[in-house]
C-alpha atoms as a PDB file:
ATOM      1  CA  MET A   1     -14.062  -7.779 -13.055  1.00  0.00           C
ATOM      2  CA  PRO A   2     -10.525  -8.653 -13.699  1.00  0.00           C
ATOM      3  CA  HIS A   3      -9.216 -11.798 -15.373  1.00  0.00           C
ATOM      4  CA  PRO A   4      -8.925 -14.549 -12.780  1.00  0.00           C
ATOM      5  CA  ALA A   5      -5.008 -14.790 -13.282  1.00  0.00           C
ATOM      6  CA  THR A   6      -4.904 -10.999 -12.445  1.00  0.00           C
ATOM      7  CA  ARG A   7      -7.050 -11.633  -8.702  1.00  0.00           C
ATOM      8  CA  ALA A   8      -4.926 -14.632  -7.998  1.00  0.00           C
ATOM      9  CA  ILE A   9      -1.637 -12.342  -8.718  1.00  0.00           C
ATOM     10  CA  LEU A  10      -3.020  -9.832  -6.305  1.00  0.00           C
ATOM     11  CA  LEU A  11      -3.917 -12.528  -3.635  1.00  0.00           C
ATOM     12  CA  LEU A  12      -0.736 -13.708  -3.784  1.00  0.00           C
ATOM     13  CA  THR A  13       0.422 -10.176  -3.561  1.00  0.00           C
ATOM     14  CA  ALA A  14      -1.383  -9.702  -0.541  1.00  0.00           C
ATOM     15  CA  LEU A  15       0.013 -12.724   1.018  1.00  0.00           C
ATOM     16  CA  ALA A  16       3.471 -12.037   0.544  1.00  0.00           C
ATOM     17  CA  LEU A  17       2.864  -8.587   2.115  1.00  0.00           C
ATOM     18  CA  GLY A  18       1.969 -10.328   5.450  1.00  0.00           C
ATOM     19  CA  GLY A  19      -1.498 -11.910   5.203  1.00  0.00           C
ATOM     20  CA  CYS A  20      -3.268  -8.549   6.197  1.00  0.00           C
ATOM     21  CA  ALA A  21      -4.792  -8.093   2.806  1.00  0.00           C
ATOM     22  CA  VAL A  22      -7.898  -9.622   1.327  1.00  0.00           C
ATOM     23  CA  ILE A  23      -9.440  -9.259  -2.049  1.00  0.00           C
ATOM     24  CA  ASP A  24     -13.036  -8.232  -2.275  1.00  0.00           C
ATOM     25  CA  ASP A  25     -15.733  -8.112  -4.929  1.00  0.00           C
ATOM     26  CA  THR A  26     -14.456  -4.678  -5.938  1.00  0.00           C
ATOM     27  CA  ASP A  27     -10.922  -5.695  -6.199  1.00  0.00           C
ATOM     28  CA  SER A  28      -9.863  -3.179  -3.467  1.00  0.00           C
ATOM     29  CA  THR A  29      -7.101  -4.330  -1.254  1.00  0.00           C
ATOM     30  CA  PRO A  30      -7.239  -3.395   2.243  1.00  0.00           C
ATOM     31  CA  ILE A  31      -3.812  -3.061   3.920  1.00  0.00           C
ATOM     32  CA  VAL A  32      -3.878  -2.368   7.721  1.00  0.00           C
ATOM     33  CA  GLY A  33      -0.537  -0.861   9.136  1.00  0.00           C
ATOM     34  CA  GLN A  34       0.954   2.534  10.462  1.00  0.00           C
ATOM     35  CA  LEU A  35       0.900   5.284   7.582  1.00  0.00           C
ATOM     36  CA  GLU A  36       4.334   7.372   7.515  1.00  0.00           C
ATOM     37  CA  SER A  37       4.923  10.235   5.283  1.00  0.00           C
ATOM     38  CA  GLY A  38       8.531  11.632   4.776  1.00  0.00           C
ATOM     39  CA  ILE A  39      10.377   8.774   2.929  1.00  0.00           C
ATOM     40  CA  VAL A  40      12.874   9.363   0.555  1.00  0.00           C
ATOM     41  CA  ALA A  41      14.612   7.309  -1.999  1.00  0.00           C
ATOM     42  CA  ILE A  42      17.382   7.458  -4.419  1.00  0.00           C
ATOM     43  CA  GLY A  43      16.333  10.293  -7.345  1.00  0.00           C
ATOM     44  CA  GLY A  44      13.261  10.871  -5.320  1.00  0.00           C
ATOM     45  CA  GLU A  45      11.907   7.361  -7.042  1.00  0.00           C
ATOM     46  CA  THR A  46       9.256   7.500  -3.851  1.00  0.00           C
ATOM     47  CA  THR A  47       5.656   8.459  -3.429  1.00  0.00           C
ATOM     48  CA  GLY A  48       6.930   9.748  -0.234  1.00  0.00           C
ATOM     49  CA  TRP A  49       4.405   7.828   1.953  1.00  0.00           C
ATOM     50  CA  GLN A  50       4.362   3.958   3.024  1.00  0.00           C
ATOM     51  CA  ILE A  51       2.240   1.889   5.472  1.00  0.00           C
ATOM     52  CA  VAL A  52       4.192  -0.455   7.817  1.00  0.00           C
ATOM     53  CA  GLN A  53       2.404  -3.296   8.622  1.00  0.00           C
ATOM     54  CA  PRO A  54       3.078  -4.989  12.261  1.00  0.00           C
ATOM     55  CA  GLY A  55       5.119  -8.173  12.230  1.00  0.00           C
ATOM     56  CA  LEU A  56       6.805 -10.551  14.709  1.00  0.00           C
ATOM     57  CA  VAL A  57      10.264  -9.035  14.388  1.00  0.00           C
ATOM     58  CA  THR A  58      10.210  -6.512  11.789  1.00  0.00           C
ATOM     59  CA  GLY A  59       7.083  -4.532  10.193  1.00  0.00           C
ATOM     60  CA  ARG A  60       6.573  -5.189   6.222  1.00  0.00           C
ATOM     61  CA  THR A  61       6.402  -2.268   4.411  1.00  0.00           C
ATOM     62  CA  ILE A  62       4.425  -1.275   1.129  1.00  0.00           C
ATOM     63  CA  GLU A  63       4.953   2.328  -0.633  1.00  0.00           C
ATOM     64  CA  ALA A  64       1.410   4.100  -0.805  1.00  0.00           C
ATOM     65  CA  ASP A  65       0.375   6.672  -3.358  1.00  0.00           C
ATOM     66  CA  VAL A  66      -2.109   8.952  -1.259  1.00  0.00           C
ATOM     67  CA  SER A  67      -2.424  11.677  -4.146  1.00  0.00           C
ATOM     68  CA  GLY A  68      -6.064  10.795  -4.206  1.00  0.00           C
ATOM     69  CA  VAL A  69      -6.599  11.224  -0.354  1.00  0.00           C
ATOM     70  CA  LEU A  70      -4.208  13.658   0.388  1.00  0.00           C
ATOM     71  CA  THR A  71      -6.073  15.344   2.828  1.00  0.00           C
ATOM     72  CA  GLU A  72      -7.279  12.479   5.122  1.00  0.00           C
ATOM     73  CA  ALA A  73      -3.572  11.065   4.470  1.00  0.00           C
ATOM     74  CA  GLU A  74      -2.206  13.918   6.107  1.00  0.00           C
ATOM     75  CA  HIS A  75      -4.865  13.901   9.281  1.00  0.00           C
ATOM     76  CA  LEU A  76      -3.900  10.188   9.412  1.00  0.00           C
ATOM     77  CA  ASP A  77      -0.074  10.481   9.245  1.00  0.00           C
ATOM     78  CA  ARG A  78       2.014   8.205  11.968  1.00  0.00           C
ATOM     79  CA  ARG A  79      -1.499   6.362  12.896  1.00  0.00           C
ATOM     80  CA  PHE A  80      -2.887   2.980  11.967  1.00  0.00           C
ATOM     81  CA  VAL A  81      -5.041   2.893   9.078  1.00  0.00           C
ATOM     82  CA  GLN A  82      -6.968   0.735   6.565  1.00  0.00           C
ATOM     83  CA  ALA A  83      -6.062   1.890   3.478  1.00  0.00           C
ATOM     84  CA  PHE A  84      -8.164   0.457   0.350  1.00  0.00           C
ATOM     85  CA  GLY A  85      -6.866   0.414  -3.448  1.00  0.00           C
ATOM     86  CA  GLU A  86      -5.249  -1.582  -6.024  1.00  0.00           C
ATOM     87  CA  ILE A  87      -1.674  -2.517  -6.033  1.00  0.00           C
ATOM     88  CA  GLU A  88       0.257  -1.634  -9.128  1.00  0.00           C
ATOM     89  CA  THR A  89       4.132  -2.290 -10.259  1.00  0.00           C
ATOM     90  CA  ARG A  90       6.126   1.167 -10.849  1.00  0.00           C
ATOM     91  CA  THR A  91       9.283   0.804 -12.612  1.00  0.00           C
ATOM     92  CA  SER A  92      11.873   3.364 -12.398  1.00  0.00           C
ATOM     93  CA  PRO A  93      15.582   3.974 -13.588  1.00  0.00           C
ATOM     94  CA  GLU A  94      17.695   3.623  -9.705  1.00  0.00           C
ATOM     95  CA  ARG A  95      14.925   1.379  -7.534  1.00  0.00           C
ATOM     96  CA  GLY A  96      13.970  -0.832 -10.868  1.00  0.00           C
ATOM     97  CA  GLU A  97      10.523  -2.277 -10.346  1.00  0.00           C
ATOM     98  CA  ARG A  98       8.464  -1.738  -7.292  1.00  0.00           C
ATOM     99  CA  ARG A  99       4.975  -2.403  -5.603  1.00  0.00           C
ATOM    100  CA  VAL A 100       2.864   0.487  -4.947  1.00  0.00           C
ATOM    101  CA  LEU A 101      -0.455   0.876  -3.247  1.00  0.00           C
ATOM    102  CA  VAL A 102      -2.787   3.295  -5.207  1.00  0.00           C
ATOM    103  CA  VAL A 103      -4.887   4.544  -2.093  1.00  0.00           C
ATOM    104  CA  THR A 104      -8.530   5.322  -3.130  1.00  0.00           C
ATOM    105  CA  GLU A 105     -10.016   5.157   0.363  1.00  0.00           C
ATOM    106  CA  LEU A 106      -8.133   5.732   3.726  1.00  0.00           C
ATOM    107  CA  ARG A 107      -9.943   5.054   7.245  1.00  0.00           C
ATOM    108  CA  GLU A 108      -8.421   4.856  10.687  1.00  0.00           C
ATOM    109  CA  ALA A 109      -7.955   1.275  11.748  1.00  0.00           C
ATOM    110  CA  PRO A 110     -10.266   0.194  14.772  1.00  0.00           C
END
């Protein structure tokens, strides 16, 4: 089990992403939103996928690394999903630090 400070940071990150995330006993962070592929960034510094969470005015997005569930991701592209995984910080020369959800499980949202 991770250090309590790590759990607190993950919870605060989840709340900053729109309050749609919950930390459970496995430390997997479910994010609910529309899965989208074809995302581009300067220098190719992206996974190419993101999850857009619904919002009042504009949705909030989090970059998603779906390499471990690519077949499911391709099937669920442009659909509302529940994505489970862990949020990590990645650093790249052009974009600097960014949060990425490393998806370990992907389901169509009910």
